[in-house]
Protein backbone atom coordinates (compact mmCIF):
# COMPACT_ATOMS: atom_id res chain seq x y z
CA PHE A 1 116.26 -71.88 -56.21
CA ILE A 2 120.44 -71.25 -55.76
CA VAL A 3 121.24 -73.41 -58.48
CA ALA A 4 118.65 -71.67 -60.91
CA LYS A 5 119.69 -67.90 -59.61
CA LYS A 6 123.08 -69.00 -60.79
CA PHE A 7 122.18 -70.53 -64.02
CA LEU A 8 120.20 -67.48 -64.86
CA ILE A 9 123.44 -65.24 -63.82
CA PHE A 10 125.47 -67.30 -66.21
CA PHE A 11 123.09 -67.30 -68.80
CA GLY A 12 122.62 -63.20 -68.45
CA PHE A 13 126.46 -62.91 -68.94
CA LEU A 14 126.73 -65.20 -71.90
CA LEU A 15 123.76 -63.19 -73.58
CA LEU A 16 125.56 -59.62 -72.74
CA ALA A 17 128.89 -61.05 -74.15
CA TYR A 18 126.94 -62.50 -77.52
CA VAL A 19 125.56 -59.09 -77.56
CA VAL A 20 128.52 -57.51 -76.75
CA ILE A 21 130.84 -59.31 -79.60
CA PHE A 22 128.68 -59.61 -82.34
CA TYR A 23 126.41 -56.04 -82.17
CA GLU A 24 128.71 -52.76 -82.12
CA ASN A 25 125.98 -50.40 -81.85
CA PHE A 26 124.83 -51.68 -78.77
CA THR A 27 127.89 -52.10 -76.99
CA VAL A 28 128.19 -48.47 -77.34
CA ILE A 29 125.19 -48.30 -75.81
CA LEU A 30 126.06 -50.55 -72.93
CA SER A 31 129.25 -49.18 -72.31
CA VAL A 32 128.12 -45.44 -71.92
CA ILE A 33 125.31 -47.14 -69.11
CA ALA A 34 128.14 -48.55 -67.36
CA ILE A 35 130.33 -45.31 -67.28
CA PHE A 36 127.11 -43.45 -66.05
CA LEU A 37 126.59 -45.88 -63.62
CA ILE A 38 130.13 -45.73 -62.48
CA GLY A 39 129.65 -41.44 -62.21
CA MET A 40 126.98 -42.28 -60.08
CA PHE A 41 128.45 -44.61 -57.56
CA PHE A 42 131.70 -41.75 -57.25
CA MET A 43 129.17 -38.79 -57.18
CA GLN A 44 127.30 -40.80 -54.48
CA ASP A 45 130.41 -42.01 -51.88
CA GLY A 46 131.55 -38.48 -53.06
CA PHE A 47 128.43 -36.84 -51.15
CA LYS A 48 128.55 -39.07 -47.78
CA LEU A 49 132.51 -38.88 -47.50
CA LEU A 50 131.25 -34.53 -47.48
CA SER A 51 128.32 -35.20 -45.59
CA GLY A 52 130.36 -36.88 -42.59
CA GLY A 53 126.84 -37.71 -40.79
CA VAL A 54 125.37 -34.15 -41.59
CA LEU A 55 122.74 -36.30 -43.92
CA GLU A 56 121.83 -38.38 -40.89
CA LYS A 57 121.36 -35.47 -38.55
CA LEU A 58 119.11 -33.68 -41.02
CA LEU A 59 116.93 -36.71 -41.79
CA GLN A 60 116.70 -36.63 -37.61
CA LYS A 61 116.53 -33.09 -37.14
CA PHE A 62 114.08 -31.66 -39.79
CA THR A 63 111.28 -33.96 -40.13
CA SER A 64 108.95 -32.94 -36.71
CA ASN A 65 106.08 -33.16 -39.29
CA THR A 66 104.70 -34.60 -42.23
CA PHE A 67 105.58 -31.26 -44.29
CA TYR A 68 108.98 -30.73 -43.09
CA ALA A 69 109.53 -34.40 -43.53
CA ILE A 70 108.85 -33.94 -47.33
CA ILE A 71 111.08 -31.18 -47.83
CA THR A 72 113.66 -32.82 -46.14
CA GLY A 73 113.11 -35.63 -48.43
CA PHE A 74 113.35 -33.49 -51.71
CA PHE A 75 116.53 -31.52 -50.51
CA SER A 76 118.53 -34.64 -49.39
CA THR A 77 117.52 -36.52 -52.80
CA ALA A 78 118.40 -33.30 -54.74
CA LEU A 79 121.74 -33.04 -53.27
CA VAL A 80 123.06 -36.86 -53.42
CA GLN A 81 121.28 -37.54 -56.53
CA SER A 82 119.69 -40.84 -55.47
CA SER A 83 116.75 -41.56 -54.39
CA SER A 84 117.93 -45.22 -53.55
CA ILE A 85 120.64 -43.84 -51.03
CA ILE A 86 117.70 -41.68 -49.24
CA SER A 87 115.61 -45.06 -49.12
CA LEU A 88 118.23 -47.17 -47.33
CA VAL A 89 119.32 -44.52 -44.85
CA VAL A 90 115.30 -44.09 -43.93
CA ILE A 91 115.26 -47.89 -43.53
CA SER A 92 118.26 -48.16 -41.36
CA PHE A 93 116.81 -45.54 -39.53
CA LEU A 94 114.26 -46.98 -39.20
CA SER A 95 115.37 -50.59 -38.22
CA VAL A 96 117.31 -48.87 -34.96
CA GLU A 97 114.03 -46.66 -34.29
CA LEU A 98 115.58 -43.64 -34.60
CA LEU A 99 112.43 -42.11 -37.35
CA THR A 100 109.05 -43.00 -36.79
CA LEU A 101 107.19 -44.76 -39.38
CA VAL A 102 105.20 -41.34 -40.44
CA GLN A 103 108.54 -39.12 -40.60
CA GLY A 104 110.09 -42.18 -42.99
CA ILE A 105 106.99 -42.30 -45.31
CA GLY A 106 107.21 -38.19 -45.89
CA ILE A 107 111.09 -38.32 -46.52
CA ILE A 108 109.99 -41.12 -49.29
CA PHE A 109 107.30 -38.95 -50.92
CA GLY A 110 110.01 -35.74 -50.91
CA SER A 111 112.56 -38.37 -51.81
CA ASN A 112 110.44 -39.26 -55.48
CA LEU A 113 110.05 -35.35 -55.80
CA GLY A 114 113.86 -34.81 -55.72
CA SER A 115 114.86 -37.34 -57.99
CA THR A 116 113.20 -35.58 -60.47
CA THR A 117 116.00 -33.31 -60.45
CA THR A 118 118.39 -35.86 -62.54
CA ALA A 119 115.99 -35.47 -65.82
CA TRP A 120 116.18 -31.41 -65.40
CA ILE A 121 119.69 -31.47 -65.30
CA VAL A 122 120.33 -33.99 -67.75
CA SER A 123 118.11 -32.44 -70.43
CA SER A 124 118.99 -28.76 -70.13
CA LEU A 125 122.59 -30.17 -69.75
CA GLY A 126 123.42 -33.10 -70.96
CA VAL A 127 121.69 -32.88 -74.82
CA ASP A 128 121.90 -29.16 -76.04
CA VAL A 129 125.79 -28.58 -74.39
CA LYS A 130 128.35 -29.96 -75.02
CA ILE A 131 129.11 -31.10 -71.73
CA SER A 132 132.15 -33.89 -72.55
CA ILE A 133 134.66 -31.39 -72.50
CA TYR A 134 134.39 -30.71 -69.28
CA ALA A 135 134.40 -34.22 -68.56
CA MET A 136 138.04 -34.71 -68.88
CA PRO A 137 139.41 -31.85 -66.31
CA MET A 138 136.76 -33.07 -63.51
CA ILE A 139 138.05 -36.85 -63.47
CA LEU A 140 142.03 -35.25 -63.86
CA PHE A 141 141.06 -33.59 -60.66
CA GLY A 142 138.75 -35.92 -59.34
CA VAL A 143 141.99 -38.23 -59.51
CA ILE A 144 143.93 -35.98 -57.71
CA LEU A 145 141.93 -35.15 -54.82
CA ARG A 146 141.04 -38.73 -54.00
CA PHE A 147 144.90 -38.98 -53.00
CA SER A 148 144.37 -36.47 -50.43
CA LYS A 149 144.25 -38.22 -46.93
CA SER A 150 141.53 -35.59 -46.20
CA ASN A 151 138.13 -37.09 -45.95
CA SER A 152 136.81 -33.98 -47.32
CA TYR A 153 138.93 -33.64 -50.19
CA LYS A 154 138.26 -37.68 -51.04
CA GLY A 155 134.95 -36.74 -51.06
CA ILE A 156 135.08 -33.64 -53.39
CA GLY A 157 137.49 -36.19 -55.74
CA ASN A 158 134.87 -38.30 -55.73
CA VAL A 159 132.30 -35.90 -56.31
CA LEU A 160 134.29 -34.80 -59.49
CA LEU A 161 134.71 -37.79 -60.63
CA GLY A 162 131.49 -39.11 -60.32
CA LEU A 163 130.53 -35.80 -62.54
CA GLY A 164 132.67 -36.46 -64.73
CA PHE A 165 131.92 -39.69 -65.78
CA ILE A 166 128.15 -38.55 -65.52
CA PHE A 167 129.01 -35.96 -68.30
CA LEU A 168 130.92 -38.51 -70.34
CA GLY A 169 128.34 -40.90 -70.15
CA ILE A 170 125.75 -38.22 -71.34
CA SER A 171 127.76 -37.42 -74.19
CA TYR A 172 128.32 -40.88 -75.79
CA MET A 173 125.31 -42.27 -75.12
CA LYS A 174 124.05 -39.30 -77.39
CA ASP A 175 126.32 -40.39 -79.89
CA GLY A 176 125.72 -44.09 -79.29
CA PHE A 177 121.81 -43.24 -80.01
CA ASP A 178 122.79 -41.08 -83.06
CA THR A 179 124.90 -44.15 -84.42
CA LEU A 180 122.45 -46.60 -83.31
CA LYS A 181 119.45 -44.63 -85.20
CA ASN A 182 121.57 -44.88 -88.52
CA SER A 183 121.43 -47.96 -88.82
CA ILE A 184 118.65 -49.34 -86.57
CA ASP A 185 115.83 -47.20 -86.66
CA LEU A 186 114.38 -47.86 -82.97
CA ALA A 187 111.27 -45.38 -83.45
CA SER A 188 110.12 -47.74 -86.09
CA TYR A 189 109.09 -49.95 -83.15
CA ALA A 190 107.09 -46.85 -81.61
CA MET A 191 103.84 -48.14 -80.49
CA GLU A 192 100.71 -45.75 -79.67
CA GLY A 193 97.40 -46.06 -77.96
CA PRO A 194 97.02 -48.30 -74.44
CA LEU A 195 98.63 -51.31 -75.50
CA GLY A 196 101.95 -49.29 -76.54
CA ILE A 197 101.79 -47.20 -73.55
CA ILE A 198 101.41 -50.33 -71.26
CA VAL A 199 104.58 -52.06 -73.31
CA TYR A 200 106.55 -49.45 -72.96
CA ILE A 201 105.80 -49.13 -68.73
CA LEU A 202 106.93 -52.54 -68.24
CA ILE A 203 110.07 -51.88 -70.45
CA GLY A 204 110.89 -48.94 -68.22
CA GLY A 205 110.02 -50.85 -65.49
CA ILE A 206 111.98 -53.85 -66.03
CA ALA A 207 115.00 -52.07 -66.88
CA THR A 208 115.27 -49.53 -63.66
CA VAL A 209 115.02 -53.12 -62.06
CA VAL A 210 117.92 -54.86 -64.14
CA ILE A 211 120.41 -51.41 -63.77
CA GLN A 212 119.05 -50.47 -60.47
CA SER A 213 119.13 -46.69 -60.66
CA SER A 214 115.83 -44.92 -61.76
CA ALA A 215 118.34 -41.97 -63.20
CA ALA A 216 120.68 -44.25 -65.39
CA THR A 217 117.16 -44.77 -66.61
CA LEU A 218 115.72 -41.39 -67.34
CA ALA A 219 119.39 -40.70 -68.92
CA ILE A 220 118.86 -43.11 -71.11
CA ILE A 221 115.00 -42.19 -71.87
CA ILE A 222 116.26 -38.57 -72.41
CA THR A 223 119.13 -39.08 -74.58
CA ALA A 224 117.23 -41.88 -77.06
CA LEU A 225 114.14 -39.02 -77.18
CA SER A 226 116.56 -36.48 -78.23
CA ALA A 227 118.02 -38.39 -80.81
CA GLY A 228 114.91 -39.39 -82.30
CA SER A 229 115.50 -43.04 -81.11
CA ILE A 230 112.03 -43.30 -79.11
CA ILE A 231 108.60 -41.51 -79.69
CA TYR A 232 107.34 -38.82 -77.18
CA ILE A 233 104.51 -40.52 -75.60
CA ASN A 234 106.43 -44.12 -75.48
CA ALA A 235 109.43 -42.11 -73.42
CA LEU A 236 106.35 -40.72 -71.11
CA ALA A 237 105.72 -44.16 -70.11
CA LEU A 238 109.19 -45.58 -70.20
CA VAL A 239 108.94 -42.52 -67.14
CA ILE A 240 106.30 -43.77 -65.56
CA GLY A 241 107.52 -47.71 -65.57
CA ALA A 242 111.22 -46.19 -64.32
CA HIS A 243 109.04 -45.11 -61.21
CA ILE A 244 107.70 -48.53 -60.54
CA GLY A 245 110.86 -50.12 -61.08
CA THR A 246 112.58 -48.22 -58.45
CA THR A 247 110.59 -49.28 -55.54
CA PHE A 248 112.23 -52.50 -55.75
CA THR A 249 115.16 -50.69 -54.42
CA ALA A 250 114.19 -50.22 -51.41
CA ILE A 251 112.35 -53.83 -51.15
CA LEU A 252 115.39 -55.08 -51.78
CA ALA A 253 117.07 -53.44 -48.93
CA SER A 254 113.91 -54.06 -46.51
CA LEU A 255 114.43 -57.39 -46.42
CA ALA A 256 116.97 -57.20 -44.00
CA SER A 257 115.00 -54.92 -41.96
CA ASN A 258 112.72 -54.96 -39.42
CA GLU A 259 109.03 -54.69 -39.70
CA ASN A 260 109.50 -50.92 -40.06
CA GLY A 261 111.87 -50.81 -42.99
CA LYS A 262 109.68 -53.39 -44.76
CA ARG A 263 106.58 -50.96 -44.13
CA VAL A 264 108.14 -47.47 -44.94
CA ALA A 265 109.09 -49.74 -48.34
CA PHE A 266 105.32 -51.16 -48.71
CA ALA A 267 104.36 -47.36 -48.50
CA HIS A 268 106.86 -46.51 -51.69
CA PHE A 269 105.53 -48.99 -53.33
CA THR A 270 101.76 -47.79 -52.83
CA PHE A 271 103.42 -44.44 -53.56
CA ASN A 272 104.15 -45.13 -57.00
CA ILE A 273 101.95 -47.37 -57.83
CA ILE A 274 98.94 -45.25 -57.13
CA THR A 275 100.86 -42.06 -58.76
CA ALA A 276 101.30 -44.46 -61.72
CA THR A 277 97.82 -45.74 -61.83
CA ILE A 278 96.19 -42.30 -62.01
CA ILE A 279 98.73 -40.66 -64.22
CA THR A 280 98.73 -43.88 -66.81
CA SER A 281 94.74 -43.38 -66.80
CA PHE A 282 95.07 -39.90 -68.19
CA ILE A 283 98.21 -39.84 -69.72
CA TYR A 284 97.14 -37.66 -72.70
CA GLN A 285 95.67 -35.42 -70.34
CA PHE A 286 99.24 -34.99 -68.58
CA GLN A 287 100.73 -34.36 -71.63
CA ASN A 288 98.64 -31.92 -72.68
CA LEU A 289 99.20 -29.89 -69.36
CA VAL A 290 102.64 -30.09 -69.77
CA ASP A 291 101.96 -28.53 -73.24
CA TYR A 292 100.03 -25.94 -71.78
CA LEU A 293 102.78 -25.38 -68.82
CA ALA A 294 106.16 -25.18 -70.82
CA PRO A 295 105.91 -22.15 -72.66
CA TYR A 296 105.52 -20.75 -68.90
CA LEU A 297 108.47 -21.78 -68.34
CA GLY A 298 110.54 -21.23 -71.20
CA ILE A 299 110.35 -24.20 -72.96
CA SER A 300 109.80 -24.45 -76.82
CA GLU A 301 107.48 -26.08 -78.19
CA ASN A 302 109.93 -29.38 -79.81
CA ASN A 303 112.25 -28.91 -76.86
CA TYR A 304 110.68 -32.44 -75.93
CA THR A 305 113.19 -33.56 -73.65
CA MET A 306 112.86 -30.48 -71.31
CA LYS A 307 108.84 -31.72 -71.69
CA LEU A 308 109.87 -34.70 -70.41
CA ALA A 309 111.64 -33.31 -67.09
CA LEU A 310 108.29 -31.33 -66.60
CA PHE A 311 106.05 -34.27 -66.64
CA HIS A 312 108.76 -36.51 -64.51
CA THR A 313 108.17 -33.72 -61.81
CA ILE A 314 104.63 -33.07 -62.05
CA PHE A 315 104.28 -37.01 -61.87
CA SER A 316 105.36 -36.72 -58.27
CA LEU A 317 103.68 -33.50 -57.16
CA VAL A 318 100.29 -35.22 -58.44
CA GLY A 319 101.38 -38.10 -56.12
CA ILE A 320 102.62 -35.80 -53.19
CA ILE A 321 99.28 -33.66 -53.28
CA LEU A 322 96.96 -36.52 -53.61
CA LEU A 323 98.74 -38.89 -50.84
CA ALA A 324 100.46 -36.96 -48.12
CA PRO A 325 97.11 -36.12 -46.73
CA PHE A 326 96.45 -39.76 -46.30
CA ILE A 327 99.95 -40.76 -45.25
CA ASN A 328 98.32 -41.75 -41.72
CA GLN A 329 96.34 -44.21 -43.29
CA ILE A 330 99.08 -45.71 -45.62
CA GLU A 331 100.94 -45.87 -42.18
CA LYS A 332 98.23 -48.21 -40.75
CA LEU A 333 97.68 -50.02 -44.03
CA SER A 334 101.31 -51.01 -43.80
CA LYS A 335 100.78 -52.33 -40.31
CA LYS A 336 97.88 -54.09 -41.35
CA PHE A 337 99.66 -55.91 -44.11
CA ILE A 338 103.18 -56.13 -42.58
CA LYS A 339 102.63 -57.64 -38.84
CA LYS A 340 104.88 -56.99 -36.34
CA LYS A 341 106.69 -60.17 -35.53
CA VAL A 342 106.17 -61.80 -31.31
CA SER A 343 108.84 -63.55 -29.98
CA SER A 344 108.09 -66.80 -28.59
CA LEU A 345 110.28 -67.44 -25.61
């Protein structure tokens, strides 16, 4: 198994090297994804330094009931812009029994909704505003602040560096898709109907598992949609796939955790799979709902990137509304599937 894994990694690098050398347009897209991911890592590290344990205290203090747990999950994820970080913190807390399983599941539910803020930020700023002009000053001041001895200033420096790289990545990503469209019309590979939805859900899921960041996947989807490289219905399916794919980060993290860590990962997977199944089954009805609500939120008829962000939010809200009343049942189900190990003397 280990030999096969090493071979696959080696083959993957060879394939990537071939694409980078011989396909210039794809090289641009892959490079800006790398820049975007670097930005995400810097920003997340910055918020960790700034929080100084505040995030951990918030997760412990404001989770006395399911509603507060969901709200805490939402705000903490919106703050650090990473549901993966919140999932990892929750799993680590469950491992040392600083949270109950019900509290952990509630936080994960709220985290799903908090992750939708990324789509709103990218769709509102990254597409319509030339944000690359703000990127360089942010990177410059970020580097200067990183040399400070104070963790607070280092944290601010990392956040600025992260935002700078993210802004730069989004700007270059949009240019990359515009260039790619001129040579290869990706929209010509659009697939409508049930088969197209299933295929693009799979693509979205696989991309998120590979990149290990649903935020990066969403940024790619939004910029590709803005450039006209994919059609709207396929973009909606990609979002559903990204939601499914992001659960694998929690699953991988839980492998080194105790039973409760594995159970919250199971609950995360259950939440996203059930919600994805419901949304997929009624995807055209939810598309109509987005079209109906968009004017009330000041979203124009042809602003498909903002509509995508709205769809993403509705996805998570539907999951919370339908499944939050059944958190106790999900907890019992997770305990049934993942039983506590009994140590033998």
